[in-house]
Amino acid sequence: MPEFEQIYADINTLPEEAQILLLDFIKLLKKCYPKPEPENHGEEKSLYEKFEETGLIGCCSVEENLSTSYKEILANTLVTKYDYR
């Protein structure tokens, strides 16, 4: 790969301060363009796994049985909130 050899030679001719700036820029680019994750051999991650990776699981506190009692809780909340109507 002659291009990389030329780039390497060009970087070596830069002053140390410029090389440090270049390394910082490369780190920034790595953050903006992360490597794609390897394939799971046809297995797609579950929705739970995707939410867990993003940190959304556990980011708020709610009632444990909210998935089964949400209608009752919502009705009570709305009555309390709009009781004056």
C-alpha atoms as a PDB file:
ATOM      1  CA  MET A   1       0.000   0.000   0.000  1.00  0.00           C
ATOM      2  CA  PRO A   2       2.132   2.857  -1.226  1.00  0.00           C
ATOM      3  CA  GLU A   3      -0.427   5.486  -0.215  1.00  0.00           C
ATOM      4  CA  PHE A   4      -0.084   4.635   3.472  1.00  0.00           C
ATOM      5  CA  GLU A   5       3.683   4.655   3.244  1.00  0.00           C
ATOM      6  CA  GLN A   6       3.555   8.159   1.764  1.00  0.00           C
ATOM      7  CA  ILE A   7       1.106   9.317   4.450  1.00  0.00           C
ATOM      8  CA  TYR A   8       3.352   7.856   7.144  1.00  0.00           C
ATOM      9  CA  ALA A   9       6.375   9.636   5.673  1.00  0.00           C
ATOM     10  CA  ASP A  10       4.440  12.923   5.495  1.00  0.00           C
ATOM     11  CA  ILE A  11       3.311  12.610   9.113  1.00  0.00           C
ATOM     12  CA  ASN A  12       6.902  11.985  10.235  1.00  0.00           C
ATOM     13  CA  THR A  13       7.996  15.263   8.641  1.00  0.00           C
ATOM     14  CA  LEU A  14       5.453  17.254  10.695  1.00  0.00           C
ATOM     15  CA  PRO A  15       6.461  18.902  13.979  1.00  0.00           C
ATOM     16  CA  GLU A  16       5.508  17.028  17.150  1.00  0.00           C
ATOM     17  CA  GLU A  17       2.695  19.484  17.967  1.00  0.00           C
ATOM     18  CA  ALA A  18       1.097  18.887  14.560  1.00  0.00           C
ATOM     19  CA  GLN A  19       1.404  15.110  15.012  1.00  0.00           C
ATOM     20  CA  ILE A  20      -0.413  15.368  18.359  1.00  0.00           C
ATOM     21  CA  LEU A  21      -3.172  17.420  16.724  1.00  0.00           C
ATOM     22  CA  LEU A  22      -3.458  14.803  13.997  1.00  0.00           C
ATOM     23  CA  LEU A  23      -3.801  12.024  16.581  1.00  0.00           C
ATOM     24  CA  ASP A  24      -6.530  13.992  18.359  1.00  0.00           C
ATOM     25  CA  PHE A  25      -8.333  14.420  15.052  1.00  0.00           C
ATOM     26  CA  ILE A  26      -8.099  10.682  14.359  1.00  0.00           C
ATOM     27  CA  LYS A  27      -9.585   9.935  17.807  1.00  0.00           C
ATOM     28  CA  LEU A  28     -12.450  12.309  17.046  1.00  0.00           C
ATOM     29  CA  LEU A  29     -13.094  10.603  13.718  1.00  0.00           C
ATOM     30  CA  LYS A  30     -13.119   7.190  15.413  1.00  0.00           C
ATOM     31  CA  LYS A  31     -15.821   8.432  17.790  1.00  0.00           C
ATOM     32  CA  CYS A  32     -17.903   9.821  14.925  1.00  0.00           C
ATOM     33  CA  TYR A  33     -17.471   6.745  12.729  1.00  0.00           C
ATOM     34  CA  PRO A  34     -17.317   3.660  14.966  1.00  0.00           C
ATOM     35  CA  LYS A  35     -16.489   0.279  13.502  1.00  0.00           C
ATOM     36  CA  PRO A  36     -19.537  -1.726  12.507  1.00  0.00           C
ATOM     37  CA  GLU A  37     -20.199  -4.551  14.920  1.00  0.00           C
ATOM     38  CA  PRO A  38     -19.533  -8.062  13.627  1.00  0.00           C
ATOM     39  CA  GLU A  39     -22.506  -9.973  12.315  1.00  0.00           C
ATOM     40  CA  ASN A  40     -24.285 -12.371  14.665  1.00  0.00           C
ATOM     41  CA  HIS A  41     -24.308 -15.166  12.073  1.00  0.00           C
ATOM     42  CA  GLY A  42     -27.906 -14.471  11.144  1.00  0.00           C
ATOM     43  CA  GLU A  43     -29.107 -13.916  14.722  1.00  0.00           C
ATOM     44  CA  GLU A  44     -30.624 -10.502  15.266  1.00  0.00           C
ATOM     45  CA  LYS A  45     -30.449  -8.980  18.733  1.00  0.00           C
ATOM     46  CA  SER A  46     -33.638  -8.882  20.725  1.00  0.00           C
ATOM     47  CA  LEU A  47     -35.317  -5.578  21.444  1.00  0.00           C
ATOM     48  CA  TYR A  48     -34.313  -5.960  25.091  1.00  0.00           C
ATOM     49  CA  GLU A  49     -30.634  -6.361  24.126  1.00  0.00           C
ATOM     50  CA  LYS A  50     -30.789  -3.287  21.895  1.00  0.00           C
ATOM     51  CA  PHE A  51     -32.315  -1.156  24.665  1.00  0.00           C
ATOM     52  CA  GLU A  52     -29.808  -2.500  27.186  1.00  0.00           C
ATOM     53  CA  GLU A  53     -26.896  -1.514  24.915  1.00  0.00           C
ATOM     54  CA  THR A  54     -28.207   2.043  24.559  1.00  0.00           C
ATOM     55  CA  GLY A  55     -28.610   2.407  28.313  1.00  0.00           C
ATOM     56  CA  LEU A  56     -32.360   2.974  28.159  1.00  0.00           C
ATOM     57  CA  ILE A  57     -33.154   0.084  30.475  1.00  0.00           C
ATOM     58  CA  GLY A  58     -33.143   1.262  34.046  1.00  0.00           C
ATOM     59  CA  CYS A  59     -33.094   4.957  33.144  1.00  0.00           C
ATOM     60  CA  CYS A  60     -36.362   5.670  34.963  1.00  0.00           C
ATOM     61  CA  SER A  61     -38.340   4.345  37.890  1.00  0.00           C
ATOM     62  CA  VAL A  62     -41.918   3.086  37.492  1.00  0.00           C
ATOM     63  CA  GLU A  63     -44.255   0.634  39.148  1.00  0.00           C
ATOM     64  CA  GLU A  64     -43.186  -2.991  38.758  1.00  0.00           C
ATOM     65  CA  ASN A  65     -46.513  -4.126  37.338  1.00  0.00           C
ATOM     66  CA  LEU A  66     -46.973  -1.150  35.019  1.00  0.00           C
ATOM     67  CA  SER A  67     -47.289  -3.353  31.933  1.00  0.00           C
ATOM     68  CA  THR A  68     -50.436  -4.965  33.332  1.00  0.00           C
ATOM     69  CA  SER A  69     -51.924  -2.094  35.345  1.00  0.00           C
ATOM     70  CA  TYR A  70     -51.141   0.906  33.132  1.00  0.00           C
ATOM     71  CA  LYS A  71     -54.803   1.599  32.292  1.00  0.00           C
ATOM     72  CA  GLU A  72     -55.807   1.820  35.950  1.00  0.00           C
ATOM     73  CA  ILE A  73     -52.799   3.983  36.822  1.00  0.00           C
ATOM     74  CA  LEU A  74     -53.436   6.281  33.858  1.00  0.00           C
ATOM     75  CA  ALA A  75     -57.126   6.634  34.750  1.00  0.00           C
ATOM     76  CA  ASN A  76     -56.273   7.532  38.362  1.00  0.00           C
ATOM     77  CA  THR A  77     -53.623   9.996  37.254  1.00  0.00           C
ATOM     78  CA  LEU A  78     -55.948  11.724  34.798  1.00  0.00           C
ATOM     79  CA  VAL A  79     -58.744  12.003  37.392  1.00  0.00           C
ATOM     80  CA  THR A  80     -56.308  13.553  39.841  1.00  0.00           C
ATOM     81  CA  LYS A  81     -54.845  15.870  37.239  1.00  0.00           C
ATOM     82  CA  TYR A  82     -58.135  17.029  35.668  1.00  0.00           C
ATOM     83  CA  ASP A  83     -60.457  16.727  38.674  1.00  0.00           C
ATOM     84  CA  TYR A  84     -61.614  20.327  38.340  1.00  0.00           C
ATOM     85  CA  ARG A  85     -63.407  19.713  35.016  1.00  0.00           C
END
